[in-house]
């Protein structure tokens, strides 16, 4: 972009674009932070649970502690591990 004219015209053209970029960056950062906090909270809750019951349309599929279900390698383990897969493609 090439601007000609007084400094006020340049200022009025650039500042809204700059502020839009700053606000967009702040929103992206806050969304990522919230998602990370939720994931950490859910991870802590599942690891500290006395028992986890895995329900599907077929009924109770698995039950046990987090460690037992991960070790069993079933539906719960697949679901838990899927959140750590690289989704950037």
N, C-alpha and C. Protein backbone atom coordinates (compact mmCIF):
# COMPACT_ATOMS: atom_id res chain seq x y z
N UNK A 1 0.83 -1.18 0.00
CA UNK A 1 0.00 0.00 0.00
C UNK A 1 0.88 1.24 0.00
N UNK A 2 0.50 2.18 -0.79
CA UNK A 2 1.20 3.46 -0.81
C UNK A 2 0.19 4.53 -0.43
N UNK A 3 0.56 5.31 0.56
CA UNK A 3 -0.31 6.38 1.03
C UNK A 3 0.32 7.72 0.69
N UNK A 4 -0.51 8.57 0.17
CA UNK A 4 -0.08 9.95 -0.05
C UNK A 4 -1.07 10.85 0.66
N UNK A 5 -0.59 11.89 1.18
CA UNK A 5 -1.46 12.82 1.87
C UNK A 5 -0.88 13.14 3.23
N UNK A 6 -1.70 13.78 4.02
CA UNK A 6 -1.25 14.20 5.34
C UNK A 6 -1.08 13.03 6.28
N UNK A 7 -0.38 13.27 7.34
CA UNK A 7 -0.12 12.21 8.32
C UNK A 7 -1.41 11.75 9.00
N UNK A 8 -2.38 12.61 9.11
CA UNK A 8 -3.65 12.23 9.72
C UNK A 8 -4.37 11.18 8.87
N UNK A 9 -4.33 11.33 7.57
CA UNK A 9 -4.96 10.35 6.68
C UNK A 9 -4.26 9.00 6.78
N UNK A 10 -2.95 9.03 6.83
CA UNK A 10 -2.18 7.79 6.97
C UNK A 10 -2.51 7.14 8.32
N UNK A 11 -2.51 7.92 9.37
CA UNK A 11 -2.83 7.43 10.70
C UNK A 11 -4.21 6.79 10.73
N UNK A 12 -5.21 7.47 10.17
CA UNK A 12 -6.58 6.97 10.16
C UNK A 12 -6.73 5.69 9.34
N UNK A 13 -5.86 5.51 8.36
CA UNK A 13 -5.93 4.30 7.54
C UNK A 13 -5.21 3.13 8.19
N UNK A 14 -4.12 3.38 8.88
CA UNK A 14 -3.30 2.31 9.43
C UNK A 14 -3.76 1.83 10.80
N UNK A 15 -4.15 2.73 11.67
CA UNK A 15 -4.50 2.37 13.04
C UNK A 15 -5.62 1.33 13.12
N UNK A 16 -6.72 1.46 12.39
CA UNK A 16 -7.77 0.43 12.48
C UNK A 16 -7.26 -0.97 12.07
N UNK A 17 -6.42 -1.01 11.03
CA UNK A 17 -5.87 -2.30 10.60
C UNK A 17 -4.97 -2.89 11.69
N UNK A 18 -4.14 -2.05 12.28
CA UNK A 18 -3.24 -2.49 13.33
C UNK A 18 -4.02 -3.01 14.55
N UNK A 19 -5.02 -2.25 14.98
CA UNK A 19 -5.82 -2.65 16.14
C UNK A 19 -6.59 -3.94 15.86
N UNK A 20 -7.07 -4.10 14.65
CA UNK A 20 -7.75 -5.34 14.27
C UNK A 20 -6.82 -6.54 14.41
N UNK A 21 -5.58 -6.37 13.97
CA UNK A 21 -4.60 -7.44 14.10
C UNK A 21 -4.27 -7.76 15.55
N UNK A 22 -4.13 -6.72 16.36
CA UNK A 22 -3.83 -6.91 17.78
C UNK A 22 -4.99 -7.64 18.47
N UNK A 23 -6.22 -7.24 18.19
CA UNK A 23 -7.38 -7.89 18.80
C UNK A 23 -7.51 -9.34 18.35
N UNK A 24 -7.28 -9.59 17.08
CA UNK A 24 -7.35 -10.96 16.57
C UNK A 24 -6.31 -11.84 17.26
N UNK A 25 -5.11 -11.34 17.41
CA UNK A 25 -4.06 -12.09 18.10
C UNK A 25 -4.42 -12.39 19.54
N UNK A 26 -4.99 -11.41 20.22
CA UNK A 26 -5.39 -11.61 21.61
C UNK A 26 -6.50 -12.65 21.73
N UNK A 27 -7.46 -12.63 20.80
CA UNK A 27 -8.54 -13.62 20.82
C UNK A 27 -8.01 -15.03 20.57
N UNK A 28 -7.11 -15.16 19.62
CA UNK A 28 -6.52 -16.47 19.33
C UNK A 28 -5.76 -17.00 20.53
N UNK A 29 -5.00 -16.14 21.17
CA UNK A 29 -4.22 -16.55 22.33
C UNK A 29 -5.11 -16.95 23.49
N UNK A 30 -6.17 -16.20 23.73
CA UNK A 30 -7.06 -16.54 24.85
C UNK A 30 -7.81 -17.83 24.58
N UNK A 31 -8.19 -18.09 23.34
CA UNK A 31 -8.87 -19.34 23.00
C UNK A 31 -7.94 -20.53 23.22
N UNK A 32 -6.71 -20.40 22.79
CA UNK A 32 -5.74 -21.49 22.98
C UNK A 32 -5.49 -21.74 24.46
N UNK A 33 -5.40 -20.68 25.24
CA UNK A 33 -5.17 -20.82 26.68
C UNK A 33 -6.35 -21.53 27.35
N UNK A 34 -7.56 -21.16 26.96
CA UNK A 34 -8.73 -21.78 27.56
C UNK A 34 -8.80 -23.26 27.20
N UNK A 35 -8.52 -23.60 25.95
CA UNK A 35 -8.54 -24.99 25.54
C UNK A 35 -7.49 -25.81 26.30
N UNK A 36 -6.32 -25.24 26.48
CA UNK A 36 -5.26 -25.94 27.22
C UNK A 36 -5.67 -26.15 28.68
N UNK A 37 -6.28 -25.15 29.28
CA UNK A 37 -6.72 -25.26 30.67
C UNK A 37 -7.80 -26.33 30.82
N UNK A 38 -8.73 -26.37 29.89
CA UNK A 38 -9.79 -27.40 29.95
C UNK A 38 -9.20 -28.80 29.81
N UNK A 39 -8.26 -28.94 28.87
CA UNK A 39 -7.65 -30.25 28.66
C UNK A 39 -6.91 -30.70 29.91
N UNK A 40 -6.18 -29.79 30.54
CA UNK A 40 -5.44 -30.14 31.75
C UNK A 40 -6.39 -30.52 32.88
N UNK A 41 -7.50 -29.80 33.01
CA UNK A 41 -8.48 -30.10 34.06
C UNK A 41 -9.12 -31.47 33.83
N UNK A 42 -9.48 -31.77 32.60
CA UNK A 42 -10.09 -33.06 32.30
C UNK A 42 -9.09 -34.19 32.48
N UNK A 43 -7.85 -33.95 32.11
CA UNK A 43 -6.81 -34.96 32.28
C UNK A 43 -6.62 -35.27 33.76
N UNK A 44 -6.56 -34.24 34.59
CA UNK A 44 -6.39 -34.44 36.04
C UNK A 44 -7.60 -35.17 36.62
N UNK A 45 -8.79 -34.80 36.17
CA UNK A 45 -10.00 -35.44 36.69
C UNK A 45 -10.04 -36.92 36.33
N UNK A 46 -9.69 -37.26 35.10
CA UNK A 46 -9.75 -38.67 34.69
C UNK A 46 -8.66 -39.49 35.38
N UNK A 47 -7.48 -38.91 35.57
CA UNK A 47 -6.40 -39.66 36.22
C UNK A 47 -6.66 -39.86 37.71
N UNK A 48 -7.44 -38.98 38.33
CA UNK A 48 -7.72 -39.08 39.76
C UNK A 48 -9.04 -39.77 40.08
N UNK A 49 -9.78 -40.17 39.07
CA UNK A 49 -11.08 -40.81 39.30
C UNK A 49 -10.90 -42.20 39.91
N UNK A 50 -11.78 -42.56 40.83
CA UNK A 50 -11.75 -43.89 41.42
C UNK A 50 -12.14 -44.96 40.40
N UNK A 51 -13.09 -44.60 39.54
CA UNK A 51 -13.53 -45.53 38.50
C UNK A 51 -14.06 -44.74 37.31
N UNK A 52 -13.71 -45.21 36.14
CA UNK A 52 -14.23 -44.62 34.90
C UNK A 52 -15.06 -45.69 34.21
N UNK A 53 -16.25 -45.32 33.81
CA UNK A 53 -17.13 -46.25 33.10
C UNK A 53 -17.30 -45.72 31.68
N UNK A 54 -16.94 -46.55 30.72
CA UNK A 54 -17.02 -46.16 29.31
C UNK A 54 -18.33 -46.68 28.75
N UNK A 55 -19.20 -45.74 28.37
CA UNK A 55 -20.49 -46.09 27.79
C UNK A 55 -20.49 -45.81 26.29
N UNK A 56 -21.00 -46.73 25.52
CA UNK A 56 -21.22 -46.51 24.09
C UNK A 56 -22.67 -46.88 23.80
N UNK A 57 -23.04 -46.85 22.53
CA UNK A 57 -24.41 -47.21 22.17
C UNK A 57 -24.71 -48.67 22.53
N UNK A 58 -23.68 -49.48 22.73
CA UNK A 58 -23.84 -50.88 23.09
C UNK A 58 -23.93 -51.09 24.60
N UNK A 59 -23.81 -50.02 25.38
CA UNK A 59 -23.86 -50.13 26.84
C UNK A 59 -22.47 -49.94 27.44
N UNK A 60 -22.24 -50.52 28.60
CA UNK A 60 -20.94 -50.39 29.28
C UNK A 60 -19.91 -51.22 28.51
N UNK A 61 -18.88 -50.55 28.02
CA UNK A 61 -17.84 -51.24 27.27
C UNK A 61 -16.62 -51.55 28.12
N UNK A 62 -16.27 -50.63 29.00
CA UNK A 62 -15.09 -50.80 29.85
C UNK A 62 -15.34 -50.10 31.17
N UNK A 63 -14.63 -50.55 32.17
CA UNK A 63 -14.65 -49.85 33.45
C UNK A 63 -13.36 -50.15 34.18
N UNK A 64 -12.91 -49.15 34.93
CA UNK A 64 -11.67 -49.29 35.67
C UNK A 64 -11.06 -47.93 35.95
N UNK A 65 -9.85 -47.92 36.48
CA UNK A 65 -9.15 -46.65 36.69
C UNK A 65 -8.53 -46.21 35.37
N UNK A 66 -8.06 -44.99 35.35
CA UNK A 66 -7.42 -44.46 34.14
C UNK A 66 -6.27 -45.38 33.71
N UNK A 67 -5.40 -45.72 34.65
CA UNK A 67 -4.24 -46.55 34.31
C UNK A 67 -4.65 -47.93 33.80
N UNK A 68 -5.66 -48.51 34.41
CA UNK A 68 -6.13 -49.83 33.97
C UNK A 68 -6.68 -49.77 32.55
N UNK A 69 -7.45 -48.73 32.27
CA UNK A 69 -8.05 -48.61 30.94
C UNK A 69 -7.01 -48.30 29.87
N UNK A 70 -6.02 -47.50 30.21
CA UNK A 70 -4.94 -47.22 29.25
C UNK A 70 -4.17 -48.50 28.96
N UNK A 71 -3.88 -49.25 30.01
CA UNK A 71 -3.12 -50.50 29.85
C UNK A 71 -3.91 -51.52 29.02
N UNK A 72 -5.24 -51.53 29.17
CA UNK A 72 -6.07 -52.47 28.42
C UNK A 72 -6.06 -52.17 26.93
N UNK A 73 -5.82 -50.92 26.57
CA UNK A 73 -5.71 -50.56 25.15
C UNK A 73 -7.00 -50.60 24.37
N UNK A 74 -8.11 -50.41 25.03
CA UNK A 74 -9.41 -50.46 24.34
C UNK A 74 -9.89 -49.10 23.87
N UNK A 75 -11.21 -48.94 23.89
CA UNK A 75 -11.86 -47.72 23.40
C UNK A 75 -11.38 -46.49 24.16
N UNK A 76 -11.34 -46.59 25.49
CA UNK A 76 -10.91 -45.44 26.31
C UNK A 76 -9.49 -45.03 25.96
N UNK A 77 -8.60 -45.99 25.85
CA UNK A 77 -7.20 -45.69 25.52
C UNK A 77 -7.10 -45.02 24.16
N UNK A 78 -7.85 -45.52 23.18
CA UNK A 78 -7.85 -44.91 21.85
C UNK A 78 -8.35 -43.47 21.91
N UNK A 79 -9.44 -43.26 22.63
CA UNK A 79 -10.01 -41.92 22.74
C UNK A 79 -9.06 -40.99 23.48
N UNK A 80 -8.48 -41.45 24.57
CA UNK A 80 -7.55 -40.63 25.35
C UNK A 80 -6.32 -40.28 24.52
N UNK A 81 -5.74 -41.26 23.85
CA UNK A 81 -4.53 -41.02 23.07
C UNK A 81 -4.78 -40.19 21.81
N UNK A 82 -6.00 -40.19 21.30
CA UNK A 82 -6.30 -39.43 20.09
C UNK A 82 -6.15 -37.93 20.29
N UNK A 83 -6.29 -37.46 21.52
CA UNK A 83 -6.16 -36.02 21.76
C UNK A 83 -4.72 -35.54 21.67
N UNK A 84 -3.77 -36.47 21.65
CA UNK A 84 -2.37 -36.10 21.57
C UNK A 84 -1.77 -36.32 20.19
N UNK A 85 -2.60 -36.79 19.24
CA UNK A 85 -2.13 -36.99 17.88
C UNK A 85 -1.89 -35.65 17.22
N UNK A 86 -0.96 -35.61 16.30
CA UNK A 86 -0.66 -34.39 15.56
C UNK A 86 -1.76 -34.17 14.54
N UNK A 87 -2.49 -33.08 14.68
CA UNK A 87 -3.60 -32.80 13.78
C UNK A 87 -3.24 -31.78 12.71
N UNK A 88 -1.97 -31.38 12.64
CA UNK A 88 -1.56 -30.44 11.61
C UNK A 88 -1.20 -31.22 10.38
N UNK A 89 -1.95 -31.00 9.33
CA UNK A 89 -1.68 -31.72 8.08
C UNK A 89 -1.66 -30.77 6.91
